[in-house]
Amino acid sequence: MPDKNIFTDKVKITIKSGDGGDGMNSFKSYKGKPACGPDGGDGGNGGGVYITASGSVGDLLSFRYTSKYFAGNGERGGTNKCFGKSGADMIIKVPVGTVVKDAETDTVICDMFEDGDKKLIAEGGRGGKGNVRFTTARRHAPNFAQKGEKTEPHTLILELKVIADVGIIGFPNVGKSTLLSKISAARPKIANYHFTTLSPNLGVVKYYENSFVAADIPGLIEGAADGAGLGHDFLRHIERTRMLLHVVDISGAEGRDPVEDFKKINAELSAYSKPLSKLPQIIALNKCDVYGAEENLKAFKKK
């Protein structure tokens, strides 16, 4: 059973639009007159599969419990030229910021960027024509009807990219979560060890009448752009941000060089996505109260 506390930002689901209903092959009949002409109605259309973006959905956790989404099939046509009922549409709600991909080709089908966005992913099969549709001047009593159109299942990948105004980035354990907890009402997990944060934390920062959303992106490491650690999972969430707040541990307490840390993170951003590396960036030097930080601060500013 999936853990309800796990932030889920990538899932695979199977969808299928509804089959079209078969057309009816039937003839009118009255007492004493067994066949008085065709009256078979058309089959109903199958339901379509839609994906809609909803601000009320936080992540993709629900898709770990239910991974198959099938629309309703169209009903068979009836006698007396009655149409079959169309199948019910399947509407799948996803968080705002979800990218929908074809699992086989990895091509992007749609990007659900705004609340209320709705996209038809799979169209339902068309209903078959009843035998009354095949009547012509020469063919008065067609004894056949058309089958409804059948549909095939498809596998999709749903990827959530967090939408935030500011992305807080930096190496593990440099103080990103602490910073977010001080500037917003967010309460991320904070501890003095690496990879405390394993999923993005969002916080609304208020400044008088204005506000913006900041995202604490889990710690990046060298090689993240090539998938090292959880690199791709983390970098995906930075793509949506308008600017970056780069937190650097200026104390060098763990034996790292603050300048090299800064360069390595930016190299990973550039390797993953050129537009990402060109986002406006503010540097926040943290742990300035630690012994030795003052000298590192001077060296960093000089660089």
Protein backbone atom coordinates (compact mmCIF):
# COMPACT_ATOMS: atom_id res chain seq x y z
CA MET A 1 0.00 0.00 0.00
CA PRO A 2 1.54 3.37 -1.02
CA ASP A 3 2.55 5.69 1.82
CA LYS A 4 0.13 8.64 1.95
CA ASN A 5 2.94 10.91 3.12
CA ILE A 6 5.06 10.36 0.02
CA PHE A 7 5.03 13.24 -2.45
CA THR A 8 4.34 11.68 -5.85
CA ASP A 9 5.40 13.61 -8.93
CA LYS A 10 5.69 10.94 -11.65
CA VAL A 11 3.32 8.08 -12.45
CA LYS A 12 2.34 5.80 -15.31
CA ILE A 13 -1.35 5.21 -16.11
CA THR A 14 -3.36 3.29 -18.70
CA ILE A 15 -6.30 4.94 -20.46
CA LYS A 16 -8.86 3.71 -22.97
CA SER A 17 -11.67 5.56 -24.68
CA GLY A 18 -15.00 3.78 -25.08
CA ASP A 19 -15.85 1.47 -27.99
CA GLY A 20 -18.59 2.57 -30.35
CA GLY A 21 -21.86 0.63 -30.08
CA ASP A 22 -22.90 -1.66 -32.94
CA GLY A 23 -25.63 -0.59 -35.33
CA MET A 24 -28.91 -2.53 -35.15
CA ASN A 25 -30.03 -4.85 -37.93
CA SER A 26 -33.80 -5.09 -37.59
CA PHE A 27 -37.07 -4.78 -39.55
CA LYS A 28 -40.47 -3.44 -38.72
CA SER A 29 -43.10 -6.06 -38.23
CA TYR A 30 -46.86 -5.85 -37.91
CA LYS A 31 -49.44 -8.51 -37.32
CA GLY A 32 -49.73 -10.47 -40.54
CA LYS A 33 -46.78 -8.57 -42.08
CA PRO A 34 -43.52 -9.98 -40.67
CA ALA A 35 -41.11 -7.69 -42.60
CA CYS A 36 -42.14 -4.16 -43.45
CA GLY A 37 -38.79 -2.51 -44.02
CA PRO A 38 -35.57 -1.82 -42.06
CA ASP A 39 -35.71 0.16 -38.82
CA GLY A 40 -32.34 -0.51 -37.12
CA GLY A 41 -30.87 2.52 -35.33
CA ASP A 42 -27.25 3.65 -34.99
CA GLY A 43 -25.00 2.60 -32.12
CA GLY A 44 -23.89 5.21 -29.59
CA ASN A 45 -20.43 6.78 -29.65
CA GLY A 46 -17.87 5.69 -27.07
CA GLY A 47 -16.88 8.11 -24.33
CA GLY A 48 -13.70 10.15 -24.61
CA VAL A 49 -10.84 10.45 -22.11
CA TYR A 50 -10.13 14.00 -20.93
CA ILE A 51 -7.43 15.37 -18.66
CA THR A 52 -8.14 18.55 -16.73
CA ALA A 53 -5.90 20.63 -14.46
CA SER A 54 -7.29 21.27 -10.98
CA GLY A 55 -5.87 23.54 -8.31
CA SER A 56 -7.47 21.33 -5.66
CA VAL A 57 -5.17 18.39 -6.51
CA GLY A 58 -1.80 18.62 -4.76
CA ASP A 59 0.21 15.81 -6.34
CA LEU A 60 -0.16 12.53 -8.25
CA LEU A 61 -0.52 10.25 -5.21
CA SER A 62 -4.05 9.07 -6.11
CA PHE A 63 -2.72 7.56 -9.34
CA ARG A 64 -0.62 5.13 -7.31
CA TYR A 65 -3.87 3.58 -6.08
CA THR A 66 -5.78 3.67 -9.38
CA SER A 67 -3.81 3.42 -12.61
CA LYS A 68 -6.48 2.40 -15.15
CA TYR A 69 -9.00 4.89 -16.51
CA PHE A 70 -11.55 3.60 -19.05
CA ALA A 71 -14.38 5.60 -20.60
CA GLY A 72 -17.83 4.06 -21.14
CA ASN A 73 -18.73 2.10 -24.27
CA GLY A 74 -21.53 3.21 -26.58
CA GLU A 75 -24.73 1.17 -26.48
CA ARG A 76 -26.03 -0.84 -29.38
CA GLY A 77 -28.62 0.80 -31.64
CA GLY A 78 -32.27 -0.07 -31.06
CA THR A 79 -35.27 -0.96 -33.15
CA ASN A 80 -37.64 1.63 -34.55
CA LYS A 81 -34.62 3.76 -35.60
CA CYS A 82 -33.61 4.42 -31.99
CA PHE A 83 -30.01 5.49 -31.41
CA GLY A 84 -27.88 3.76 -28.79
CA LYS A 85 -26.80 5.81 -25.78
CA SER A 86 -23.30 7.31 -25.95
CA GLY A 87 -20.71 6.12 -23.44
CA ALA A 88 -19.78 8.28 -20.44
CA ASP A 89 -16.61 10.38 -20.74
CA MET A 90 -13.71 9.73 -18.38
CA ILE A 91 -12.38 12.96 -16.84
CA ILE A 92 -9.01 12.67 -15.09
CA LYS A 93 -8.06 15.48 -12.70
CA VAL A 94 -4.35 16.27 -12.37
CA PRO A 95 -2.43 18.98 -10.48
CA VAL A 96 -1.67 22.25 -12.22
CA GLY A 97 1.78 21.91 -13.78
CA THR A 98 1.38 18.31 -14.96
CA VAL A 99 2.99 17.29 -18.25
CA VAL A 100 1.31 14.39 -20.07
CA LYS A 101 3.57 12.18 -22.20
CA ASP A 102 3.08 9.14 -24.42
CA ALA A 103 4.87 6.28 -22.64
CA GLU A 104 6.00 4.59 -25.86
CA THR A 105 7.41 7.61 -27.72
CA ASP A 106 8.09 9.94 -24.76
CA THR A 107 6.50 12.77 -26.76
CA VAL A 108 4.63 15.48 -24.86
CA ILE A 109 0.88 15.31 -25.49
CA CYS A 110 -0.08 18.35 -23.42
CA ASP A 111 1.09 20.63 -20.64
CA MET A 112 -1.59 21.38 -18.05
CA PHE A 113 -0.22 24.73 -17.02
CA GLU A 114 -3.30 26.62 -15.80
CA ASP A 115 -6.17 25.73 -13.48
CA GLY A 116 -9.15 24.62 -15.56
CA ASP A 117 -7.16 23.54 -18.63
CA LYS A 118 -8.91 20.60 -20.32
CA LYS A 119 -7.58 18.37 -23.08
CA LEU A 120 -9.11 15.47 -25.03
CA ILE A 121 -6.52 12.71 -24.87
CA ALA A 122 -8.38 9.83 -26.52
CA GLU A 123 -11.50 10.17 -28.64
CA GLY A 124 -14.23 7.57 -28.26
CA GLY A 125 -15.02 5.10 -31.05
CA ARG A 126 -17.82 6.03 -33.45
CA GLY A 127 -21.06 4.12 -33.23
CA GLY A 128 -21.93 1.79 -36.11
CA LYS A 129 -24.76 2.60 -38.52
CA GLY A 130 -28.03 0.71 -38.32
CA ASN A 131 -29.37 -1.13 -41.38
CA VAL A 132 -31.84 1.66 -42.12
CA ARG A 133 -28.84 3.79 -43.13
CA PHE A 134 -27.98 1.42 -45.97
CA THR A 135 -31.34 1.69 -47.74
CA THR A 136 -31.06 2.89 -51.34
CA ALA A 137 -33.34 3.16 -54.36
CA ARG A 138 -32.24 -0.32 -55.43
CA ARG A 139 -31.67 -1.86 -51.99
CA HIS A 140 -34.93 -1.65 -50.07
CA ALA A 141 -34.21 -4.21 -47.33
CA PRO A 142 -30.52 -4.30 -46.33
CA ASN A 143 -30.00 -7.23 -44.00
CA PHE A 144 -26.82 -5.95 -42.35
CA ALA A 145 -25.57 -3.19 -40.02
CA GLN A 146 -22.20 -1.62 -39.23
CA LYS A 147 -20.09 -2.61 -36.24
CA GLY A 148 -19.02 0.10 -33.78
CA GLU A 149 -15.44 1.36 -33.88
CA LYS A 150 -13.16 -0.35 -31.36
CA THR A 151 -10.46 1.55 -29.45
CA GLU A 152 -7.10 0.52 -28.03
CA PRO A 153 -5.66 1.27 -24.58
CA HIS A 154 -2.73 3.69 -24.28
CA THR A 155 -0.11 4.14 -21.59
CA LEU A 156 0.66 7.67 -20.42
CA ILE A 157 3.29 9.17 -18.16
CA LEU A 158 2.19 12.01 -15.90
CA GLU A 159 4.99 14.27 -14.66
CA LEU A 160 4.35 17.04 -12.17
CA LYS A 161 6.54 20.12 -12.40
CA VAL A 162 6.01 22.36 -9.39
CA ILE A 163 4.94 25.89 -10.33
CA ALA A 164 6.63 28.50 -8.15
CA ASP A 165 7.87 32.05 -8.58
CA VAL A 166 11.17 31.38 -6.81
CA GLY A 167 13.12 28.12 -6.75
CA ILE A 168 15.48 27.73 -3.78
CA ILE A 169 18.46 25.65 -4.88
CA GLY A 170 21.84 24.56 -3.53
CA PHE A 171 23.80 21.56 -2.28
CA PRO A 172 22.29 19.33 0.43
CA ASN A 173 22.34 20.65 4.00
CA VAL A 174 23.09 24.29 3.15
CA GLY A 175 19.94 25.62 4.84
CA LYS A 176 17.31 25.84 2.08
CA SER A 177 14.51 24.37 4.19
CA THR A 178 15.40 26.58 7.15
CA LEU A 179 15.26 29.64 4.92
CA LEU A 180 11.84 28.66 3.56
CA SER A 181 10.53 28.10 7.10
CA LYS A 182 11.61 31.65 8.08
CA ILE A 183 10.19 33.54 5.10
CA SER A 184 6.90 31.62 4.84
CA ALA A 185 4.45 29.59 6.89
CA ALA A 186 5.78 26.34 5.39
CA ARG A 187 7.11 23.82 7.90
CA PRO A 188 9.49 21.53 6.03
CA LYS A 189 11.47 18.81 7.77
CA ILE A 190 14.74 20.29 9.04
CA ALA A 191 17.76 18.36 10.35
CA ASN A 192 21.54 18.59 10.22
CA TYR A 193 22.14 15.83 7.68
CA HIS A 194 22.07 15.46 3.92
CA PHE A 195 18.88 14.87 1.96
CA THR A 196 16.48 15.77 4.77
CA THR A 197 14.21 17.04 1.99
CA LEU A 198 13.22 14.43 -0.58
CA SER A 199 10.41 16.35 -2.29
CA PRO A 200 9.77 20.02 -3.11
CA ASN A 201 8.24 22.11 -0.33
CA LEU A 202 6.11 25.13 -1.25
CA GLY A 203 5.62 28.22 0.83
CA VAL A 204 3.70 31.44 0.23
CA VAL A 205 5.84 34.47 1.06
CA LYS A 206 3.84 37.59 1.94
CA TYR A 207 5.23 41.10 1.65
CA TYR A 208 2.62 43.64 2.73
CA GLU A 209 -0.18 43.28 0.14
CA ASN A 210 1.90 41.19 -2.26
CA SER A 211 2.76 37.51 -2.15
CA PHE A 212 4.70 34.94 -4.15
CA VAL A 213 5.35 31.20 -4.03
CA ALA A 214 8.79 29.85 -3.14
CA ALA A 215 9.80 26.23 -3.64
CA ASP A 216 12.52 24.52 -1.62
CA ILE A 217 14.04 22.19 -4.24
CA PRO A 218 15.78 19.13 -2.72
CA GLY A 219 19.58 19.27 -2.64
CA LEU A 220 21.34 18.83 -5.95
CA ILE A 221 24.64 17.00 -6.30
CA GLU A 222 27.36 16.89 -8.92
CA GLY A 223 26.15 14.81 -11.88
CA ALA A 224 22.48 15.64 -11.24
CA ALA A 225 21.93 16.59 -14.90
CA ASP A 226 22.99 13.06 -15.86
CA GLY A 227 20.59 11.56 -13.35
CA ALA A 228 22.99 11.14 -10.42
CA GLY A 229 21.12 10.78 -7.14
CA LEU A 230 17.60 11.98 -7.86
CA GLY A 231 18.90 14.67 -10.21
CA HIS A 232 16.27 14.58 -12.94
CA ASP A 233 13.47 14.31 -10.38
CA PHE A 234 14.74 17.46 -8.65
CA LEU A 235 15.75 19.51 -11.69
CA ARG A 236 12.34 18.99 -13.29
CA HIS A 237 10.75 21.19 -10.63
CA ILE A 238 13.07 24.15 -11.21
CA GLU A 239 12.02 24.57 -14.85
CA ARG A 240 8.78 26.35 -13.93
CA THR A 241 10.33 29.00 -11.69
CA ARG A 242 10.73 32.66 -12.67
CA MET A 243 13.98 33.08 -10.77
CA LEU A 244 16.39 31.15 -8.54
CA LEU A 245 17.60 31.75 -5.01
CA HIS A 246 20.95 29.98 -4.75
CA VAL A 247 21.84 29.15 -1.13
CA VAL A 248 25.56 28.65 -0.54
CA ASP A 249 27.16 27.40 2.70
CA ILE A 250 29.81 30.11 3.08
CA SER A 251 31.31 28.49 6.20
CA GLY A 252 32.86 25.59 4.26
CA ALA A 253 32.25 23.56 7.43
CA GLU A 254 32.02 20.27 5.55
CA GLY A 255 35.34 20.80 3.81
CA ARG A 256 33.77 22.16 0.62
CA ASP A 257 34.76 25.31 -1.25
CA PRO A 258 31.81 27.75 -1.47
CA VAL A 259 32.99 29.08 -4.84
CA GLU A 260 33.29 25.58 -6.28
CA ASP A 261 29.86 24.68 -4.87
CA PHE A 262 28.37 27.67 -6.65
CA LYS A 263 30.07 26.78 -9.94
CA LYS A 264 29.09 23.10 -9.77
CA ILE A 265 25.39 23.79 -9.22
CA ASN A 266 25.33 26.24 -12.12
CA ALA A 267 27.14 23.73 -14.32
CA GLU A 268 24.42 21.18 -13.56
CA LEU A 269 21.68 23.70 -14.42
CA SER A 270 23.38 24.49 -17.72
CA ALA A 271 23.88 20.80 -18.58
CA TYR A 272 20.23 20.00 -17.87
CA SER A 273 18.64 22.97 -19.65
CA LYS A 274 20.13 26.09 -21.22
CA PRO A 275 17.04 28.25 -20.46
CA LEU A 276 17.29 27.10 -16.84
CA SER A 277 20.85 28.37 -16.56
CA LYS A 278 19.77 31.81 -17.81
CA LEU A 279 17.13 32.42 -15.13
CA PRO A 280 17.75 35.43 -12.86
CA GLN A 281 19.63 34.25 -9.79
CA ILE A 282 20.14 35.71 -6.30
CA ILE A 283 22.91 34.28 -4.12
CA ALA A 284 22.14 33.81 -0.41
CA LEU A 285 25.27 33.14 1.65
CA ASN A 286 24.33 31.10 4.69
CA LYS A 287 26.00 30.06 7.97
CA CYS A 288 27.87 33.37 8.19
CA ASP A 289 28.10 33.00 11.98
CA VAL A 290 30.41 29.98 11.76
CA TYR A 291 34.13 30.49 12.46
CA GLY A 292 36.04 31.12 9.24
CA ALA A 293 33.02 32.32 7.28
CA GLU A 294 34.23 35.93 7.21
CA GLU A 295 37.36 35.05 5.21
CA ASN A 296 35.35 32.86 2.85
CA LEU A 297 32.87 35.69 2.36
CA LYS A 298 35.62 38.06 1.22
CA ALA A 299 37.03 35.45 -1.17
CA PHE A 300 33.59 34.66 -2.55
CA LYS A 301 32.74 38.31 -3.24
CA LYS A 302 36.12 38.75 -4.95
CA LYS A 303 35.44 35.76 -7.23
